[in-house]
Amino acid sequence: SRAIVNALATLSTFVLAWYLTPADFGLVAL
């Protein structure tokens, strides 16, 4: 399960990082 979840989490992070800005991540992190 972690192998699948890890792959999805990693892919999601990379895809979202391409389409969103650091400020977007900062807003949601806050």
All heavy atoms as atom14 arrays in JSON, in Angstrom:
{
  "sequence": "SRAIVNALATLSTFVLAWYLTPADFGLVAL",
  "atom14_mask": [
    [1, 1, 1, 1, 1, 1, 0, 0, 0, 0, 0, 0, 0, 0],
    [1, 1, 1, 1, 1, 1, 1, 1, 1, 1, 1, 0, 0, 0],
    [1, 1, 1, 1, 1, 0, 0, 0, 0, 0, 0, 0, 0, 0],
    [1, 1, 1, 1, 1, 1, 1, 1, 0, 0, 0, 0, 0, 0],
    [1, 1, 1, 1, 1, 1, 1, 0, 0, 0, 0, 0, 0, 0],
    [1, 1, 1, 1, 1, 1, 1, 1, 0, 0, 0, 0, 0, 0],
    [1, 1, 1, 1, 1, 0, 0, 0, 0, 0, 0, 0, 0, 0],
    [1, 1, 1, 1, 1, 1, 1, 1, 0, 0, 0, 0, 0, 0],
    [1, 1, 1, 1, 1, 0, 0, 0, 0, 0, 0, 0, 0, 0],
    [1, 1, 1, 1, 1, 1, 1, 0, 0, 0, 0, 0, 0, 0],
    [1, 1, 1, 1, 1, 1, 1, 1, 0, 0, 0, 0, 0, 0],
    [1, 1, 1, 1, 1, 1, 0, 0, 0, 0, 0, 0, 0, 0],
    [1, 1, 1, 1, 1, 1, 1, 0, 0, 0, 0, 0, 0, 0],
    [1, 1, 1, 1, 1, 1, 1, 1, 1, 1, 1, 0, 0, 0],
    [1, 1, 1, 1, 1, 1, 1, 0, 0, 0, 0, 0, 0, 0],
    [1, 1, 1, 1, 1, 1, 1, 1, 0, 0, 0, 0, 0, 0],
    [1, 1, 1, 1, 1, 0, 0, 0, 0, 0, 0, 0, 0, 0],
    [1, 1, 1, 1, 1, 1, 1, 1, 1, 1, 1, 1, 1, 1],
    [1, 1, 1, 1, 1, 1, 1, 1, 1, 1, 1, 1, 0, 0],
    [1, 1, 1, 1, 1, 1, 1, 1, 0, 0, 0, 0, 0, 0],
    [1, 1, 1, 1, 1, 1, 1, 0, 0, 0, 0, 0, 0, 0],
    [1, 1, 1, 1, 1, 1, 1, 0, 0, 0, 0, 0, 0, 0],
    [1, 1, 1, 1, 1, 0, 0, 0, 0, 0, 0, 0, 0, 0],
    [1, 1, 1, 1, 1, 1, 1, 1, 0, 0, 0, 0, 0, 0],
    [1, 1, 1, 1, 1, 1, 1, 1, 1, 1, 1, 0, 0, 0],
    [1, 1, 1, 1, 0, 0, 0, 0, 0, 0, 0, 0, 0, 0],
    [1, 1, 1, 1, 1, 1, 1, 1, 0, 0, 0, 0, 0, 0],
    [1, 1, 1, 1, 1, 1, 1, 0, 0, 0, 0, 0, 0, 0],
    [1, 1, 1, 1, 1, 0, 0, 0, 0, 0, 0, 0, 0, 0],
    [1, 1, 1, 1, 1, 1, 1, 1, 0, 0, 0, 0, 0, 0]
  ],
  "atom14_positions": [
    [[0.83, -1.21, 0.0], [0.0, 0.0, 0.0], [0.86, 1.25, 0.0], [0.58, 2.22, -0.71], [-0.94, 0.01, 1.21], [-0.23, 0.2, 2.41], [0.0, 0.0, 0.0], [0.0, 0.0, 0.0], [0.0, 0.0, 0.0], [0.0, 0.0, 0.0], [0.0, 0.0, 0.0], [0.0, 0.0, 0.0], [0.0, 0.0, 0.0], [0.0, 0.0, 0.0]],
    [[1.95, 1.23, 0.81], [2.81, 2.4, 0.86], [3.54, 2.63, -0.45], [3.83, 3.76, -0.83], [3.82, 2.28, 2.0], [3.25, 2.27, 3.38], [2.26, 3.38, 3.65], [2.81, 4.72, 3.49], [2.12, 5.82, 3.71], [0.85, 5.76, 4.08], [2.69, 7.01, 3.56], [0.0, 0.0, 0.0], [0.0, 0.0, 0.0], [0.0, 0.0, 0.0]],
    [[3.87, 1.54, -1.16], [4.52, 1.7, -2.46], [3.6, 2.45, -3.42], [4.02, 3.37, -4.14], [4.9, 0.34, -3.04], [0.0, 0.0, 0.0], [0.0, 0.0, 0.0], [0.0, 0.0, 0.0], [0.0, 0.0, 0.0], [0.0, 0.0, 0.0], [0.0, 0.0, 0.0], [0.0, 0.0, 0.0], [0.0, 0.0, 0.0], [0.0, 0.0, 0.0]],
    [[2.32, 2.08, -3.41], [1.35, 2.74, -4.29], [1.1, 4.18, -3.81], [1.1, 5.13, -4.6], [0.04, 1.94, -4.32], [0.29, 0.55, -4.92], [-1.02, 2.69, -5.13], [-0.91, -0.37, -4.85], [0.0, 0.0, 0.0], [0.0, 0.0, 0.0], [0.0, 0.0, 0.0], [0.0, 0.0, 0.0], [0.0, 0.0, 0.0], [0.0, 0.0, 0.0]],
    [[0.86, 4.33, -2.5], [0.6, 5.65, -1.94], [1.8, 6.57, -2.15], [1.66, 7.75, -2.5], [0.25, 5.54, -0.44], [0.26, 6.91, 0.22], [-1.1, 4.87, -0.27], [0.0, 0.0, 0.0], [0.0, 0.0, 0.0], [0.0, 0.0, 0.0], [0.0, 0.0, 0.0], [0.0, 0.0, 0.0], [0.0, 0.0, 0.0], [0.0, 0.0, 0.0]],
    [[2.99, 6.03, -1.94], [4.21, 6.82, -2.11], [4.36, 7.3, -3.55], [4.72, 8.45, -3.81], [5.42, 5.98, -1.7], [6.7, 6.8, -1.67], [6.67, 8.0, -1.45], [7.82, 6.15, -1.89], [0.0, 0.0, 0.0], [0.0, 0.0, 0.0], [0.0, 0.0, 0.0], [0.0, 0.0, 0.0], [0.0, 0.0, 0.0], [0.0, 0.0, 0.0]],
    [[4.09, 6.39, -4.48], [4.19, 6.76, -5.89], [3.19, 7.86, -6.23], [3.53, 8.84, -6.92], [3.95, 5.54, -6.77], [0.0, 0.0, 0.0], [0.0, 0.0, 0.0], [0.0, 0.0, 0.0], [0.0, 0.0, 0.0], [0.0, 0.0, 0.0], [0.0, 0.0, 0.0], [0.0, 0.0, 0.0], [0.0, 0.0, 0.0], [0.0, 0.0, 0.0]],
    [[1.97, 7.72, -5.74], [0.95, 8.74, -6.0], [1.29, 10.07, -5.33], [1.12, 11.14, -5.92], [-0.42, 8.25, -5.52], [-1.06, 7.1, -6.29], [-2.32, 6.62, -5.6], [-1.37, 7.52, -7.72], [0.0, 0.0, 0.0], [0.0, 0.0, 0.0], [0.0, 0.0, 0.0], [0.0, 0.0, 0.0], [0.0, 0.0, 0.0], [0.0, 0.0, 0.0]],
    [[1.78, 9.99, -4.08], [2.14, 11.22, -3.36], [3.28, 11.95, -4.04], [3.25, 13.19, -4.19], [2.51, 10.88, -1.91], [0.0, 0.0, 0.0], [0.0, 0.0, 0.0], [0.0, 0.0, 0.0], [0.0, 0.0, 0.0], [0.0, 0.0, 0.0], [0.0, 0.0, 0.0], [0.0, 0.0, 0.0], [0.0, 0.0, 0.0], [0.0, 0.0, 0.0]],
    [[4.28, 11.2, -4.46], [5.43, 11.81, -5.14], [5.01, 12.43, -6.46], [5.36, 13.58, -6.77], [6.53, 10.77, -5.38], [6.88, 10.17, -4.12], [7.75, 11.4, -6.0], [0.0, 0.0, 0.0], [0.0, 0.0, 0.0], [0.0, 0.0, 0.0], [0.0, 0.0, 0.0], [0.0, 0.0, 0.0], [0.0, 0.0, 0.0], [0.0, 0.0, 0.0]],
    [[4.26, 11.67, -7.24], [3.79, 12.17, -8.54], [2.91, 13.4, -8.36], [3.03, 14.39, -9.09], [3.04, 11.07, -9.28], [2.52, 11.42, -10.69], [3.68, 11.82, -11.6], [1.75, 10.25, -11.28], [0.0, 0.0, 0.0], [0.0, 0.0, 0.0], [0.0, 0.0, 0.0], [0.0, 0.0, 0.0], [0.0, 0.0, 0.0], [0.0, 0.0, 0.0]],
    [[2.03, 13.35, -7.35], [1.14, 14.49, -7.08], [1.94, 15.74, -6.72], [1.66, 16.83, -7.22], [0.19, 14.13, -5.93], [-0.58, 15.24, -5.56], [0.0, 0.0, 0.0], [0.0, 0.0, 0.0], [0.0, 0.0, 0.0], [0.0, 0.0, 0.0], [0.0, 0.0, 0.0], [0.0, 0.0, 0.0], [0.0, 0.0, 0.0], [0.0, 0.0, 0.0]],
    [[2.96, 15.56, -5.85], [3.78, 16.71, -5.45], [4.47, 17.33, -6.64], [4.5, 18.56, -6.81], [4.83, 16.26, -4.42], [4.16, 15.76, -3.25], [5.72, 17.44, -4.01], [0.0, 0.0, 0.0], [0.0, 0.0, 0.0], [0.0, 0.0, 0.0], [0.0, 0.0, 0.0], [0.0, 0.0, 0.0], [0.0, 0.0, 0.0], [0.0, 0.0, 0.0]],
    [[5.05, 16.5, -7.49], [5.77, 17.02, -8.65], [4.83, 17.71, -9.64], [5.14, 18.8, -10.15], [6.52, 15.89, -9.35], [7.65, 15.32, -8.54], [8.08, 14.02, -8.72], [8.29, 16.1, -7.58], [9.13, 13.5, -7.97], [9.34, 15.59, -6.83], [9.76, 14.29, -7.02], [0.0, 0.0, 0.0], [0.0, 0.0, 0.0], [0.0, 0.0, 0.0]],
    [[3.66, 17.1, -9.89], [2.7, 17.71, -10.83], [2.19, 19.04, -10.28], [2.14, 20.05, -11.0], [1.53, 16.74, -11.1], [0.44, 17.45, -11.92], [2.01, 15.5, -11.85], [0.0, 0.0, 0.0], [0.0, 0.0, 0.0], [0.0, 0.0, 0.0], [0.0, 0.0, 0.0], [0.0, 0.0, 0.0], [0.0, 0.0, 0.0], [0.0, 0.0, 0.0]],
    [[1.8, 19.05, -9.0], [1.27, 20.27, -8.41], [2.33, 21.37, -8.36], [2.02, 22.56, -8.53], [0.75, 19.99, -7.0], [-0.48, 19.07, -6.92], [-0.83, 18.78, -5.47], [-1.67, 19.67, -7.65], [0.0, 0.0, 0.0], [0.0, 0.0, 0.0], [0.0, 0.0, 0.0], [0.0, 0.0, 0.0], [0.0, 0.0, 0.0], [0.0, 0.0, 0.0]],
    [[3.59, 20.98, -8.14], [4.66, 21.97, -8.1], [4.86, 22.64, -9.46], [5.27, 23.81, -9.53], [5.96, 21.32, -7.65], [0.0, 0.0, 0.0], [0.0, 0.0, 0.0], [0.0, 0.0, 0.0], [0.0, 0.0, 0.0], [0.0, 0.0, 0.0], [0.0, 0.0, 0.0], [0.0, 0.0, 0.0], [0.0, 0.0, 0.0], [0.0, 0.0, 0.0]],
    [[4.59, 21.92, -10.54], [4.72, 22.51, -11.87], [3.6, 23.51, -12.16], [3.82, 24.53, -12.82], [4.7, 21.42, -12.94], [6.03, 20.76, -13.14], [6.42, 19.54, -12.7], [7.17, 21.31, -13.82], [7.72, 19.29, -13.06], [8.21, 20.35, -13.75], [7.41, 22.52, -14.48], [9.47, 20.57, -14.31], [8.66, 22.73, -15.04], [9.67, 21.77, -14.96]],
    [[2.4, 23.24, -11.65], [1.25, 24.06, -11.99], [0.94, 25.16, -10.96], [0.22, 26.1, -11.26], [0.0, 23.18, -12.17], [0.02, 22.38, -13.45], [0.41, 21.05, -13.43], [-0.34, 22.96, -14.66], [0.44, 20.3, -14.6], [-0.31, 22.21, -15.84], [0.08, 20.88, -15.8], [0.12, 20.14, -16.96], [0.0, 0.0, 0.0], [0.0, 0.0, 0.0]],
    [[1.46, 25.0, -9.74], [1.18, 25.97, -8.69], [2.45, 26.73, -8.32], [3.56, 26.34, -8.7], [0.61, 25.28, -7.45], [-0.64, 24.41, -7.66], [-1.09, 23.81, -6.35], [-1.77, 25.22, -8.31], [0.0, 0.0, 0.0], [0.0, 0.0, 0.0], [0.0, 0.0, 0.0], [0.0, 0.0, 0.0], [0.0, 0.0, 0.0], [0.0, 0.0, 0.0]],
    [[2.3, 27.8, -7.58], [3.44, 28.64, -7.19], [3.83, 28.35, -5.73], [3.03, 27.79, -4.96], [3.08, 30.13, -7.32], [2.07, 30.44, -6.34], [2.56, 30.44, -8.72], [0.0, 0.0, 0.0], [0.0, 0.0, 0.0], [0.0, 0.0, 0.0], [0.0, 0.0, 0.0], [0.0, 0.0, 0.0], [0.0, 0.0, 0.0], [0.0, 0.0, 0.0]],
    [[5.04, 28.76, -5.32], [5.41, 28.63, -3.91], [4.42, 29.32, -2.97], [4.14, 28.82, -1.88], [6.79, 29.28, -3.85], [7.36, 29.09, -5.22], [6.18, 29.21, -6.15], [0.0, 0.0, 0.0], [0.0, 0.0, 0.0], [0.0, 0.0, 0.0], [0.0, 0.0, 0.0], [0.0, 0.0, 0.0], [0.0, 0.0, 0.0], [0.0, 0.0, 0.0]],
    [[3.86, 30.46, -3.4], [2.88, 31.16, -2.57], [1.61, 30.33, -2.37], [0.99, 30.37, -1.3], [2.54, 32.51, -3.19], [0.0, 0.0, 0.0], [0.0, 0.0, 0.0], [0.0, 0.0, 0.0], [0.0, 0.0, 0.0], [0.0, 0.0, 0.0], [0.0, 0.0, 0.0], [0.0, 0.0, 0.0], [0.0, 0.0, 0.0], [0.0, 0.0, 0.0]],
    [[1.2, 29.58, -3.41], [0.04, 28.7, -3.28], [0.29, 27.63, -2.22], [-0.57, 27.37, -1.37], [-0.27, 28.02, -4.62], [-0.78, 29.0, -5.67], [-1.38, 30.02, -5.28], [-0.56, 28.75, -6.87], [0.0, 0.0, 0.0], [0.0, 0.0, 0.0], [0.0, 0.0, 0.0], [0.0, 0.0, 0.0], [0.0, 0.0, 0.0], [0.0, 0.0, 0.0]],
    [[1.46, 27.01, -2.27], [1.81, 25.99, -1.27], [1.89, 26.62, 0.12], [1.48, 26.01, 1.11], [3.14, 25.33, -1.63], [3.02, 24.22, -2.64], [3.08, 24.49, -3.99], [2.85, 22.91, -2.22], [2.97, 23.47, -4.92], [2.74, 21.88, -3.15], [2.79, 22.16, -4.51], [0.0, 0.0, 0.0], [0.0, 0.0, 0.0], [0.0, 0.0, 0.0]],
    [[2.43, 27.82, 0.19], [2.55, 28.49, 1.48], [1.19, 28.79, 2.09], [0.99, 28.64, 3.3], [0.0, 0.0, 0.0], [0.0, 0.0, 0.0], [0.0, 0.0, 0.0], [0.0, 0.0, 0.0], [0.0, 0.0, 0.0], [0.0, 0.0, 0.0], [0.0, 0.0, 0.0], [0.0, 0.0, 0.0], [0.0, 0.0, 0.0], [0.0, 0.0, 0.0]],
    [[0.25, 29.24, 1.27], [-1.11, 29.55, 1.74], [-1.76, 28.32, 2.37], [-2.27, 28.37, 3.5], [-1.96, 30.06, 0.57], [-3.47, 30.15, 0.83], [-3.77, 31.2, 1.88], [-4.2, 30.44, -0.49], [0.0, 0.0, 0.0], [0.0, 0.0, 0.0], [0.0, 0.0, 0.0], [0.0, 0.0, 0.0], [0.0, 0.0, 0.0], [0.0, 0.0, 0.0]],
    [[-1.74, 27.2, 1.65], [-2.39, 25.98, 2.14], [-1.62, 25.41, 3.33], [-2.21, 24.88, 4.27], [-2.52, 24.94, 1.01], [-3.16, 23.66, 1.53], [-3.37, 25.52, -0.13], [0.0, 0.0, 0.0], [0.0, 0.0, 0.0], [0.0, 0.0, 0.0], [0.0, 0.0, 0.0], [0.0, 0.0, 0.0], [0.0, 0.0, 0.0], [0.0, 0.0, 0.0]],
    [[-0.3, 25.54, 3.32], [0.5, 25.06, 4.45], [0.16, 25.83, 5.72], [0.11, 25.27, 6.82], [1.99, 25.19, 4.14], [0.0, 0.0, 0.0], [0.0, 0.0, 0.0], [0.0, 0.0, 0.0], [0.0, 0.0, 0.0], [0.0, 0.0, 0.0], [0.0, 0.0, 0.0], [0.0, 0.0, 0.0], [0.0, 0.0, 0.0], [0.0, 0.0, 0.0]],
    [[-0.09, 27.13, 5.58], [-0.45, 27.95, 6.74], [-1.79, 27.5, 7.32], [-1.92, 27.31, 8.54], [-0.54, 29.42, 6.31], [-0.75, 30.46, 7.4], [0.39, 30.41, 8.42], [-0.85, 31.85, 6.78], [0.0, 0.0, 0.0], [0.0, 0.0, 0.0], [0.0, 0.0, 0.0], [0.0, 0.0, 0.0], [0.0, 0.0, 0.0], [0.0, 0.0, 0.0]]
  ]
}
